[in-house]
Amino acid sequence: FETIVTNNIFGDILSDEASMLTGSIRMLPSTSLGELGPGLFEHIYGSAPDIAGQDKTNLLVVVLSVAMLLRYGLHEENAARIIDNASLETLNKGFQTGDIFLAGKVQKN
């Protein structure tokens, strides 16, 4: 699914569970949209106290959340696509954070 519409609590549960399909809870952007407001765009892992101070935060998911803001909050599809493509290109070049590290690839924390 590209988009699942649900209430906030069920959405939190689904996003946490679905995140493991990517291999890491720290890989999925998320949004909560309402009828009247611009929405809330964030990564799904909260404050991540388990990795605090270890320089392991996956900032790619923050960038992807900005793409969601552009796409769904500001209706700027072209700008969102540019961010999506740049993110994919970065991963395809082998740059990774510790939570998605694959042996034999370049790792940049």
PDB file of N, CA and C in Angstrom:
ATOM      1  N   PHE A   1       0.839  -1.173   0.000  1.00  0.00           N
ATOM      2  CA  PHE A   1       0.000   0.000   0.000  1.00  0.00           C
ATOM      3  C   PHE A   1       0.884   1.236   0.000  1.00  0.00           C
ATOM      4  N   GLU A   2       0.517   2.219  -0.775  1.00  0.00           N
ATOM      5  CA  GLU A   2       1.232   3.486  -0.706  1.00  0.00           C
ATOM      6  C   GLU A   2       0.645   4.356   0.390  1.00  0.00           C
ATOM      7  N   THR A   3      -0.666   4.281   0.570  1.00  0.00           N
ATOM      8  CA  THR A   3      -1.350   5.097   1.560  1.00  0.00           C
ATOM      9  C   THR A   3      -2.406   4.268   2.272  1.00  0.00           C
ATOM     10  N   ILE A   4      -2.430   4.337   3.582  1.00  0.00           N
ATOM     11  CA  ILE A   4      -3.464   3.693   4.383  1.00  0.00           C
ATOM     12  C   ILE A   4      -4.095   4.778   5.241  1.00  0.00           C
ATOM     13  N   VAL A   5      -5.407   4.867   5.211  1.00  0.00           N
ATOM     14  CA  VAL A   5      -6.123   5.874   5.986  1.00  0.00           C
ATOM     15  C   VAL A   5      -6.774   5.190   7.182  1.00  0.00           C
ATOM     16  N   THR A   6      -6.471   5.697   8.372  1.00  0.00           N
ATOM     17  CA  THR A   6      -7.009   5.114   9.595  1.00  0.00           C
ATOM     18  C   THR A   6      -6.974   6.172  10.703  1.00  0.00           C
ATOM     19  N   ASN A   7      -7.508   5.835  11.868  1.00  0.00           N
ATOM     20  CA  ASN A   7      -7.395   6.780  12.980  1.00  0.00           C
ATOM     21  C   ASN A   7      -5.969   6.753  13.515  1.00  0.00           C
ATOM     22  N   ASN A   8      -5.637   7.693  14.385  1.00  0.00           N
ATOM     23  CA  ASN A   8      -4.261   7.875  14.839  1.00  0.00           C
ATOM     24  C   ASN A   8      -3.707   6.656  15.565  1.00  0.00           C
ATOM     25  N   ILE A   9      -4.439   6.108  16.508  1.00  0.00           N
ATOM     26  CA  ILE A   9      -3.913   4.988  17.291  1.00  0.00           C
ATOM     27  C   ILE A   9      -3.665   3.769  16.400  1.00  0.00           C
ATOM     28  N   PHE A  10      -4.630   3.421  15.563  1.00  0.00           N
ATOM     29  CA  PHE A  10      -4.452   2.275  14.683  1.00  0.00           C
ATOM     30  C   PHE A  10      -3.349   2.558  13.665  1.00  0.00           C
ATOM     31  N   GLY A  11      -3.255   3.790  13.206  1.00  0.00           N
ATOM     32  CA  GLY A  11      -2.185   4.174  12.287  1.00  0.00           C
ATOM     33  C   GLY A  11      -0.817   4.013  12.906  1.00  0.00           C
ATOM     34  N   ASP A  12      -0.677   4.367  14.191  1.00  0.00           N
ATOM     35  CA  ASP A  12       0.597   4.180  14.893  1.00  0.00           C
ATOM     36  C   ASP A  12       0.975   2.707  14.958  1.00  0.00           C
ATOM     37  N   ILE A  13      -0.007   1.876  15.260  1.00  0.00           N
ATOM     38  CA  ILE A  13       0.259   0.437  15.333  1.00  0.00           C
ATOM     39  C   ILE A  13       0.675  -0.096  13.964  1.00  0.00           C
ATOM     40  N   LEU A  14      -0.077   0.256  12.932  1.00  0.00           N
ATOM     41  CA  LEU A  14       0.240  -0.226  11.585  1.00  0.00           C
ATOM     42  C   LEU A  14       1.606   0.259  11.107  1.00  0.00           C
ATOM     43  N   SER A  15       1.918   1.522  11.366  1.00  0.00           N
ATOM     44  CA  SER A  15       3.197   2.040  10.889  1.00  0.00           C
ATOM     45  C   SER A  15       4.368   1.374  11.601  1.00  0.00           C
ATOM     46  N   ASP A  16       4.230   1.095  12.887  1.00  0.00           N
ATOM     47  CA  ASP A  16       5.298   0.394  13.611  1.00  0.00           C
ATOM     48  C   ASP A  16       5.472  -1.026  13.080  1.00  0.00           C
ATOM     49  N   GLU A  17       4.369  -1.705  12.853  1.00  0.00           N
ATOM     50  CA  GLU A  17       4.450  -3.086  12.346  1.00  0.00           C
ATOM     51  C   GLU A  17       4.965  -3.121  10.905  1.00  0.00           C
ATOM     52  N   ALA A  18       4.457  -2.254  10.060  1.00  0.00           N
ATOM     53  CA  ALA A  18       4.850  -2.242   8.650  1.00  0.00           C
ATOM     54  C   ALA A  18       6.298  -1.819   8.467  1.00  0.00           C
ATOM     55  N   SER A  19       6.819  -1.063   9.404  1.00  0.00           N
ATOM     56  CA  SER A  19       8.199  -0.592   9.268  1.00  0.00           C
ATOM     57  C   SER A  19       9.178  -1.741   9.212  1.00  0.00           C
ATOM     58  N   MET A  20       8.839  -2.845   9.804  1.00  0.00           N
ATOM     59  CA  MET A  20       9.757  -3.979   9.811  1.00  0.00           C
ATOM     60  C   MET A  20       9.854  -4.628   8.427  1.00  0.00           C
ATOM     61  N   LEU A  21       8.942  -4.322   7.531  1.00  0.00           N
ATOM     62  CA  LEU A  21       9.054  -4.812   6.158  1.00  0.00           C
ATOM     63  C   LEU A  21      10.280  -4.225   5.469  1.00  0.00           C
ATOM     64  N   THR A  22      10.702  -3.059   5.909  1.00  0.00           N
ATOM     65  CA  THR A  22      11.883  -2.420   5.336  1.00  0.00           C
ATOM     66  C   THR A  22      13.163  -2.886   6.019  1.00  0.00           C
ATOM     67  N   GLY A  23      13.024  -3.621   7.110  1.00  0.00           N
ATOM     68  CA  GLY A  23      14.192  -4.121   7.831  1.00  0.00           C
ATOM     69  C   GLY A  23      14.599  -3.250   8.994  1.00  0.00           C
ATOM     70  N   SER A  24      13.980  -2.106   9.143  1.00  0.00           N
ATOM     71  CA  SER A  24      14.327  -1.211  10.245  1.00  0.00           C
ATOM     72  C   SER A  24      13.154  -0.298  10.547  1.00  0.00           C
ATOM     73  N   ILE A  25      12.853  -0.132  11.823  1.00  0.00           N
ATOM     74  CA  ILE A  25      11.779   0.779  12.217  1.00  0.00           C
ATOM     75  C   ILE A  25      12.142   2.226  11.878  1.00  0.00           C
ATOM     76  N   ARG A  26      13.411   2.467  11.610  1.00  0.00           N
ATOM     77  CA  ARG A  26      13.869   3.836  11.372  1.00  0.00           C
ATOM     78  C   ARG A  26      13.955   4.182   9.888  1.00  0.00           C
ATOM     79  N   MET A  27      13.132   3.570   9.050  1.00  0.00           N
ATOM     80  CA  MET A  27      13.208   3.810   7.605  1.00  0.00           C
ATOM     81  C   MET A  27      11.956   4.417   6.977  1.00  0.00           C
ATOM     82  N   LEU A  28      10.874   4.555   7.719  1.00  0.00           N
ATOM     83  CA  LEU A  28       9.631   4.986   7.098  1.00  0.00           C
ATOM     84  C   LEU A  28       9.181   6.366   7.558  1.00  0.00           C
ATOM     85  N   PRO A  29       8.891   7.230   6.609  1.00  0.00           N
ATOM     86  CA  PRO A  29       8.268   8.502   6.961  1.00  0.00           C
ATOM     87  C   PRO A  29       6.795   8.262   7.266  1.00  0.00           C
ATOM     88  N   SER A  30       6.168   9.201   7.920  1.00  0.00           N
ATOM     89  CA  SER A  30       4.770   9.047   8.290  1.00  0.00           C
ATOM     90  C   SER A  30       4.093  10.410   8.296  1.00  0.00           C
ATOM     91  N   THR A  31       2.787  10.391   8.148  1.00  0.00           N
ATOM     92  CA  THR A  31       2.025  11.631   8.252  1.00  0.00           C
ATOM     93  C   THR A  31       0.674  11.369   8.883  1.00  0.00           C
ATOM     94  N   SER A  32       0.193  12.343   9.614  1.00  0.00           N
ATOM     95  CA  SER A  32      -1.173  12.348  10.132  1.00  0.00           C
ATOM     96  C   SER A  32      -1.851  13.551   9.493  1.00  0.00           C
ATOM     97  N   LEU A  33      -2.845  13.274   8.669  1.00  0.00           N
ATOM     98  CA  LEU A  33      -3.537  14.341   7.943  1.00  0.00           C
ATOM     99  C   LEU A  33      -4.935  14.540   8.496  1.00  0.00           C
ATOM    100  N   GLY A  34      -5.339  15.780   8.593  1.00  0.00           N
ATOM    101  CA  GLY A  34      -6.699  16.103   8.988  1.00  0.00           C
ATOM    102  C   GLY A  34      -7.397  16.848   7.863  1.00  0.00           C
ATOM    103  N   GLU A  35      -8.685  17.018   7.994  1.00  0.00           N
ATOM    104  CA  GLU A  35      -9.444  17.705   6.951  1.00  0.00           C
ATOM    105  C   GLU A  35      -9.105  19.192   6.864  1.00  0.00           C
ATOM    106  N   LEU A  36      -8.757  19.813   7.985  1.00  0.00           N
ATOM    107  CA  LEU A  36      -8.592  21.263   8.012  1.00  0.00           C
ATOM    108  C   LEU A  36      -7.146  21.738   8.052  1.00  0.00           C
ATOM    109  N   GLY A  37      -6.249  20.900   8.497  1.00  0.00           N
ATOM    110  CA  GLY A  37      -4.884  21.376   8.698  1.00  0.00           C
ATOM    111  C   GLY A  37      -3.909  20.843   7.680  1.00  0.00           C
ATOM    112  N   PRO A  38      -2.687  21.331   7.765  1.00  0.00           N
ATOM    113  CA  PRO A  38      -1.661  20.884   6.822  1.00  0.00           C
ATOM    114  C   PRO A  38      -1.126  19.495   7.143  1.00  0.00           C
ATOM    115  N   GLY A  39      -1.317  19.007   8.346  1.00  0.00           N
ATOM    116  CA  GLY A  39      -0.848  17.681   8.717  1.00  0.00           C
ATOM    117  C   GLY A  39       0.416  17.721   9.542  1.00  0.00           C
ATOM    118  N   LEU A  40       0.781  16.558  10.052  1.00  0.00           N
ATOM    119  CA  LEU A  40       1.996  16.376  10.824  1.00  0.00           C
ATOM    120  C   LEU A  40       2.842  15.356  10.085  1.00  0.00           C
ATOM    121  N   PHE A  41       4.059  15.706   9.759  1.00  0.00           N
ATOM    122  CA  PHE A  41       4.943  14.852   8.968  1.00  0.00           C
ATOM    123  C   PHE A  41       6.163  14.523   9.811  1.00  0.00           C
ATOM    124  N   GLU A  42       6.428  13.230   9.971  1.00  0.00           N
ATOM    125  CA  GLU A  42       7.500  12.818  10.879  1.00  0.00           C
ATOM    126  C   GLU A  42       8.000  11.427  10.522  1.00  0.00           C
ATOM    127  N   HIS A  43       9.146  11.077  11.090  1.00  0.00           N
ATOM    128  CA  HIS A  43       9.603   9.694  11.040  1.00  0.00           C
ATOM    129  C   HIS A  43       8.791   8.934  12.072  1.00  0.00           C
ATOM    130  N   ILE A  44       8.725   7.614  11.969  1.00  0.00           N
ATOM    131  CA  ILE A  44       7.827   6.885  12.865  1.00  0.00           C
ATOM    132  C   ILE A  44       8.470   6.410  14.153  1.00  0.00           C
ATOM    133  N   TYR A  45       9.752   6.635  14.369  1.00  0.00           N
ATOM    134  CA  TYR A  45      10.382   6.030  15.536  1.00  0.00           C
ATOM    135  C   TYR A  45      10.466   6.938  16.744  1.00  0.00           C
ATOM    136  N   GLY A  46       9.780   8.048  16.742  1.00  0.00           N
ATOM    137  CA  GLY A  46       9.759   8.911  17.915  1.00  0.00           C
ATOM    138  C   GLY A  46      11.134   9.442  18.268  1.00  0.00           C
ATOM    139  N   SER A  47      11.412   9.536  19.544  1.00  0.00           N
ATOM    140  CA  SER A  47      12.671  10.116  19.999  1.00  0.00           C
ATOM    141  C   SER A  47      13.820   9.114  20.012  1.00  0.00           C
ATOM    142  N   ALA A  48      13.534   7.825  19.883  1.00  0.00           N
ATOM    143  CA  ALA A  48      14.540   6.754  19.815  1.00  0.00           C
ATOM    144  C   ALA A  48      15.547   6.820  20.958  1.00  0.00           C
ATOM    145  N   PRO A  49      15.084   6.737  22.208  1.00  0.00           N
ATOM    146  CA  PRO A  49      16.019   6.822  23.327  1.00  0.00           C
ATOM    147  C   PRO A  49      17.041   5.681  23.350  1.00  0.00           C
ATOM    148  N   ASP A  50      16.755   4.576  22.673  1.00  0.00           N
ATOM    149  CA  ASP A  50      17.686   3.450  22.658  1.00  0.00           C
ATOM    150  C   ASP A  50      18.972   3.747  21.896  1.00  0.00           C
ATOM    151  N   ILE A  51      18.949   4.785  21.039  1.00  0.00           N
ATOM    152  CA  ILE A  51      20.162   5.122  20.287  1.00  0.00           C
ATOM    153  C   ILE A  51      20.656   6.536  20.597  1.00  0.00           C
ATOM    154  N   ALA A  52      20.106   7.143  21.632  1.00  0.00           N
ATOM    155  CA  ALA A  52      20.493   8.509  21.995  1.00  0.00           C
ATOM    156  C   ALA A  52      21.996   8.600  22.250  1.00  0.00           C
ATOM    157  N   GLY A  53      22.622   9.606  21.668  1.00  0.00           N
ATOM    158  CA  GLY A  53      24.038   9.865  21.881  1.00  0.00           C
ATOM    159  C   GLY A  53      24.982   8.927  21.153  1.00  0.00           C
ATOM    160  N   GLN A  54      24.474   8.060  20.280  1.00  0.00           N
ATOM    161  CA  GLN A  54      25.315   7.090  19.597  1.00  0.00           C
ATOM    162  C   GLN A  54      25.564   7.436  18.127  1.00  0.00           C
ATOM    163  N   ASP A  55      25.095   8.582  17.666  1.00  0.00           N
ATOM    164  CA  ASP A  55      25.284   9.013  16.286  1.00  0.00           C
ATOM    165  C   ASP A  55      24.763   7.977  15.284  1.00  0.00           C
ATOM    166  N   LYS A  56      23.573   7.424  15.578  1.00  0.00           N
ATOM    167  CA  LYS A  56      22.985   6.394  14.726  1.00  0.00           C
ATOM    168  C   LYS A  56      21.668   6.822  14.091  1.00  0.00           C
ATOM    169  N   THR A  57      21.271   8.038  14.269  1.00  0.00           N
ATOM    170  CA  THR A  57      19.999   8.473  13.728  1.00  0.00           C
ATOM    171  C   THR A  57      20.008   8.389  12.206  1.00  0.00           C
ATOM    172  N   ASN A  58      18.989   7.796  11.642  1.00  0.00           N
ATOM    173  CA  ASN A  58      18.866   7.677  10.198  1.00  0.00           C
ATOM    174  C   ASN A  58      18.157   8.922   9.679  1.00  0.00           C
ATOM    175  N   LEU A  59      18.928   9.891   9.218  1.00  0.00           N
ATOM    176  CA  LEU A  59      18.344  11.153   8.765  1.00  0.00           C
ATOM    177  C   LEU A  59      17.647  11.035   7.421  1.00  0.00           C
ATOM    178  N   LEU A  60      17.869   9.949   6.705  1.00  0.00           N
ATOM    179  CA  LEU A  60      17.176   9.756   5.436  1.00  0.00           C
ATOM    180  C   LEU A  60      15.667   9.774   5.636  1.00  0.00           C
ATOM    181  N   VAL A  61      15.196   9.183   6.716  1.00  0.00           N
ATOM    182  CA  VAL A  61      13.758   9.150   6.958  1.00  0.00           C
ATOM    183  C   VAL A  61      13.211  10.558   7.236  1.00  0.00           C
ATOM    184  N   VAL A  62      14.021  11.425   7.804  1.00  0.00           N
ATOM    185  CA  VAL A  62      13.597  12.814   8.007  1.00  0.00           C
ATOM    186  C   VAL A  62      13.450  13.504   6.650  1.00  0.00           C
ATOM    187  N   VAL A  63      14.402  13.267   5.758  1.00  0.00           N
ATOM    188  CA  VAL A  63      14.344  13.831   4.413  1.00  0.00           C
ATOM    189  C   VAL A  63      13.107  13.305   3.679  1.00  0.00           C
ATOM    190  N   LEU A  64      12.820  12.015   3.826  1.00  0.00           N
ATOM    191  CA  LEU A  64      11.638  11.434   3.172  1.00  0.00           C
ATOM    192  C   LEU A  64      10.340  11.986   3.764  1.00  0.00           C
ATOM    193  N   SER A  65      10.364  12.353   5.035  1.00  0.00           N
ATOM    194  CA  SER A  65       9.198  12.998   5.642  1.00  0.00           C
ATOM    195  C   SER A  65       8.967  14.375   5.023  1.00  0.00           C
ATOM    196  N   VAL A  66      10.053  15.069   4.694  1.00  0.00           N
ATOM    197  CA  VAL A  66       9.936  16.362   4.005  1.00  0.00           C
ATOM    198  C   VAL A  66       9.314  16.156   2.629  1.00  0.00           C
ATOM    199  N   ALA A  67       9.689  15.073   1.954  1.00  0.00           N
ATOM    200  CA  ALA A  67       9.075  14.771   0.658  1.00  0.00           C
ATOM    201  C   ALA A  67       7.574  14.561   0.813  1.00  0.00           C
ATOM    202  N   MET A  68       7.172  13.887   1.889  1.00  0.00           N
ATOM    203  CA  MET A  68       5.733  13.702   2.138  1.00  0.00           C
ATOM    204  C   MET A  68       5.048  15.033   2.409  1.00  0.00           C
ATOM    205  N   LEU A  69       5.714  15.911   3.163  1.00  0.00           N
ATOM    206  CA  LEU A  69       5.169  17.251   3.414  1.00  0.00           C
ATOM    207  C   LEU A  69       4.944  17.977   2.094  1.00  0.00           C
ATOM    208  N   LEU A  70       5.937  17.927   1.232  1.00  0.00           N
ATOM    209  CA  LEU A  70       5.811  18.593  -0.062  1.00  0.00           C
ATOM    210  C   LEU A  70       4.673  17.983  -0.887  1.00  0.00           C
ATOM    211  N   ARG A  71       4.596  16.662  -0.913  1.00  0.00           N
ATOM    212  CA  ARG A  71       3.612  15.964  -1.742  1.00  0.00           C
ATOM    213  C   ARG A  71       2.188  16.128  -1.205  1.00  0.00           C
ATOM    214  N   TYR A  72       1.989  15.822   0.074  1.00  0.00           N
ATOM    215  CA  TYR A  72       0.625  15.756   0.619  1.00  0.00           C
ATOM    216  C   TYR A  72       0.188  17.015   1.352  1.00  0.00           C
ATOM    217  N   GLY A  73       1.131  17.764   1.912  1.00  0.00           N
ATOM    218  CA  GLY A  73       0.764  18.968   2.642  1.00  0.00           C
ATOM    219  C   GLY A  73       0.762  20.220   1.785  1.00  0.00           C
ATOM    220  N   LEU A  74       1.717  20.304   0.866  1.00  0.00           N
ATOM    221  CA  LEU A  74       1.866  21.508   0.050  1.00  0.00           C
ATOM    222  C   LEU A  74       1.553  21.271  -1.429  1.00  0.00           C
ATOM    223  N   HIS A  75       1.258  20.030  -1.787  1.00  0.00           N
ATOM    224  CA  HIS A  75       0.892  19.663  -3.166  1.00  0.00           C
ATOM    225  C   HIS A  75       1.972  20.064  -4.174  1.00  0.00           C
ATOM    226  N   GLU A  76       3.219  19.836  -3.789  1.00  0.00           N
ATOM    227  CA  GLU A  76       4.379  20.120  -4.635  1.00  0.00           C
ATOM    228  C   GLU A  76       5.005  18.801  -5.089  1.00  0.00           C
ATOM    229  N   GLU A  77       4.317  18.120  -5.987  1.00  0.00           N
ATOM    230  CA  GLU A  77       4.732  16.789  -6.439  1.00  0.00           C
ATOM    231  C   GLU A  77       6.129  16.793  -7.059  1.00  0.00           C
ATOM    232  N   ASN A  78       6.441  17.785  -7.867  1.00  0.00           N
ATOM    233  CA  ASN A  78       7.760  17.827  -8.520  1.00  0.00           C
ATOM    234  C   ASN A  78       8.888  17.916  -7.504  1.00  0.00           C
ATOM    235  N   ALA A  79       8.731  18.771  -6.507  1.00  0.00           N
ATOM    236  CA  ALA A  79       9.761  18.908  -5.476  1.00  0.00           C
ATOM    237  C   ALA A  79       9.888  17.610  -4.670  1.00  0.00           C
ATOM    238  N   ALA A  80       8.765  16.972  -4.368  1.00  0.00           N
ATOM    239  CA  ALA A  80       8.792  15.704  -3.636  1.00  0.00           C
ATOM    240  C   ALA A  80       9.504  14.640  -4.451  1.00  0.00           C
ATOM    241  N   ARG A  81       9.248  14.595  -5.734  1.00  0.00           N
ATOM    242  CA  ARG A  81       9.882  13.603  -6.601  1.00  0.00           C
ATOM    243  C   ARG A  81      11.397  13.812  -6.656  1.00  0.00           C
ATOM    244  N   ILE A  82      11.833  15.057  -6.655  1.00  0.00           N
ATOM    245  CA  ILE A  82      13.272  15.352  -6.652  1.00  0.00           C
ATOM    246  C   ILE A  82      13.922  14.777  -5.394  1.00  0.00           C
ATOM    247  N   ILE A  83      13.289  14.967  -4.254  1.00  0.00           N
ATOM    248  CA  ILE A  83      13.819  14.432  -2.997  1.00  0.00           C
ATOM    249  C   ILE A  83      13.814  12.907  -3.016  1.00  0.00           C
ATOM    250  N   ASP A  84      12.726  12.317  -3.477  1.00  0.00           N
ATOM    251  CA  ASP A  84      12.654  10.852  -3.562  1.00  0.00           C
ATOM    252  C   ASP A  84      13.773  10.299  -4.446  1.00  0.00           C
ATOM    253  N   ASN A  85      13.961  10.908  -5.602  1.00  0.00           N
ATOM    254  CA  ASN A  85      14.996  10.433  -6.530  1.00  0.00           C
ATOM    255  C   ASN A  85      16.397  10.609  -5.957  1.00  0.00           C
ATOM    256  N   ALA A  86      16.651  11.729  -5.293  1.00  0.00           N
ATOM    257  CA  ALA A  86      17.962  11.961  -4.681  1.00  0.00           C
ATOM    258  C   ALA A  86      18.217  10.952  -3.563  1.00  0.00           C
ATOM    259  N   SER A  87      17.189  10.611  -2.809  1.00  0.00           N
ATOM    260  CA  SER A  87      17.320   9.624  -1.740  1.00  0.00           C
ATOM    261  C   SER A  87      17.660   8.253  -2.312  1.00  0.00           C
ATOM    262  N   LEU A  88      16.952   7.862  -3.353  1.00  0.00           N
ATOM    263  CA  LEU A  88      17.233   6.582  -4.007  1.00  0.00           C
ATOM    264  C   LEU A  88      18.638   6.544  -4.593  1.00  0.00           C
ATOM    265  N   GLU A  89      19.045   7.634  -5.205  1.00  0.00           N
ATOM    266  CA  GLU A  89      20.385   7.705  -5.791  1.00  0.00           C
ATOM    267  C   GLU A  89      21.458   7.558  -4.716  1.00  0.00           C
ATOM    268  N   THR A  90      21.233   8.187  -3.572  1.00  0.00           N
ATOM    269  CA  THR A  90      22.182   8.087  -2.460  1.00  0.00           C
ATOM    270  C   THR A  90      22.299   6.647  -1.980  1.00  0.00           C
ATOM    271  N   LEU A  91      21.168   5.969  -1.818  1.00  0.00           N
ATOM    272  CA  LEU A  91      21.196   4.567  -1.395  1.00  0.00           C
ATOM    273  C   LEU A  91      21.833   3.684  -2.456  1.00  0.00           C
ATOM    274  N   ASN A  92      21.521   3.949  -3.711  1.00  0.00           N
ATOM    275  CA  ASN A  92      22.089   3.143  -4.796  1.00  0.00           C
ATOM    276  C   ASN A  92      23.602   3.297  -4.908  1.00  0.00           C
ATOM    277  N   LYS A  93      24.135   4.423  -4.434  1.00  0.00           N
ATOM    278  CA  LYS A  93      25.586   4.626  -4.425  1.00  0.00           C
ATOM    279  C   LYS A  93      26.253   3.927  -3.250  1.00  0.00           C
ATOM    280  N   GLY A  94      25.452   3.334  -2.379  1.00  0.00           N
ATOM    281  CA  GLY A  94      26.000   2.556  -1.279  1.00  0.00           C
ATOM    282  C   GLY A  94      26.098   3.271   0.050  1.00  0.00           C
ATOM    283  N   PHE A  95      25.675   4.509   0.128  1.00  0.00           N
ATOM    284  CA  PHE A  95      25.723   5.230   1.402  1.00  0.00           C
ATOM    285  C   PHE A  95      24.620   4.707   2.306  1.00  0.00           C
ATOM    286  N   GLN A  96      24.990   4.393   3.544  1.00  0.00           N
ATOM    287  CA  GLN A  96      24.047   3.791   4.475  1.00  0.00           C
ATOM    288  C   GLN A  96      24.283   4.288   5.889  1.00  0.00           C
ATOM    289  N   THR A  97      23.258   4.155   6.683  1.00  0.00           N
ATOM    290  CA  THR A  97      23.408   4.375   8.110  1.00  0.00           C
ATOM    291  C   THR A  97      23.541   3.009   8.770  1.00  0.00           C
ATOM    292  N   GLY A  98      23.934   2.989  10.029  1.00  0.00           N
ATOM    293  CA  GLY A  98      24.191   1.729  10.717  1.00  0.00           C
ATOM    294  C   GLY A  98      23.013   0.786  10.775  1.00  0.00           C
ATOM    295  N   ASP A  99      21.790   1.315  10.791  1.00  0.00           N
ATOM    296  CA  ASP A  99      20.622   0.448  10.920  1.00  0.00           C
ATOM    297  C   ASP A  99      20.290  -0.308   9.633  1.00  0.00           C
ATOM    298  N   ILE A 100      20.845   0.105   8.503  1.00  0.00           N
ATOM    299  CA  ILE A 100      20.581  -0.602   7.239  1.00  0.00           C
ATOM    300  C   ILE A 100      21.882  -1.078   6.591  1.00  0.00           C
ATOM    301  N   PHE A 101      22.958  -1.125   7.359  1.00  0.00           N
ATOM    302  CA  PHE A 101      24.270  -1.476   6.828  1.00  0.00           C
ATOM    303  C   PHE A 101      24.272  -2.860   6.190  1.00  0.00           C
ATOM    304  N   LEU A 102      24.830  -2.951   4.995  1.00  0.00           N
ATOM    305  CA  LEU A 102      25.049  -4.217   4.303  1.00  0.00           C
ATOM    306  C   LEU A 102      26.545  -4.363   4.063  1.00  0.00           C
ATOM    307  N   ALA A 103      27.083  -5.498   4.406  1.00  0.00           N
ATOM    308  CA  ALA A 103      28.510  -5.749   4.218  1.00  0.00           C
ATOM    309  C   ALA A 103      28.900  -5.535   2.759  1.00  0.00           C
ATOM    310  N   GLY A 104      30.064  -4.932   2.546  1.00  0.00           N
ATOM    311  CA  GLY A 104      30.558  -4.690   1.200  1.00  0.00           C
ATOM    312  C   GLY A 104      30.087  -3.388   0.596  1.00  0.00           C
ATOM    313  N   LYS A 105      29.299  -2.634   1.320  1.00  0.00           N
ATOM    314  CA  LYS A 105      28.811  -1.335   0.836  1.00  0.00           C
ATOM    315  C   LYS A 105      29.509  -0.219   1.604  1.00  0.00           C
ATOM    316  N   VAL A 106      29.419   0.974   1.085  1.00  0.00           N
ATOM    317  CA  VAL A 106      29.963   2.146   1.764  1.00  0.00           C
ATOM    318  C   VAL A 106      29.056   2.469   2.940  1.00  0.00           C
ATOM    319  N   GLN A 107      29.608   2.738   4.087  1.00  0.00           N
ATOM    320  CA  GLN A 107      28.804   3.132   5.229  1.00  0.00           C
ATOM    321  C   GLN A 107      29.194   4.527   5.658  1.00  0.00           C
ATOM    322  N   LYS A 108      28.241   5.404   5.693  1.00  0.00           N
ATOM    323  CA  LYS A 108      28.442   6.760   6.189  1.00  0.00           C
ATOM    324  C   LYS A 108      27.401   7.007   7.269  1.00  0.00           C
ATOM    325  N   ASN A 109      27.832   7.202   8.501  1.00  0.00           N
ATOM    326  CA  ASN A 109      26.877   7.454   9.596  1.00  0.00           C
ATOM    327  C   ASN A 109      26.530   8.902   9.670  1.00  0.00           C
TER     328      ASN A 109
END
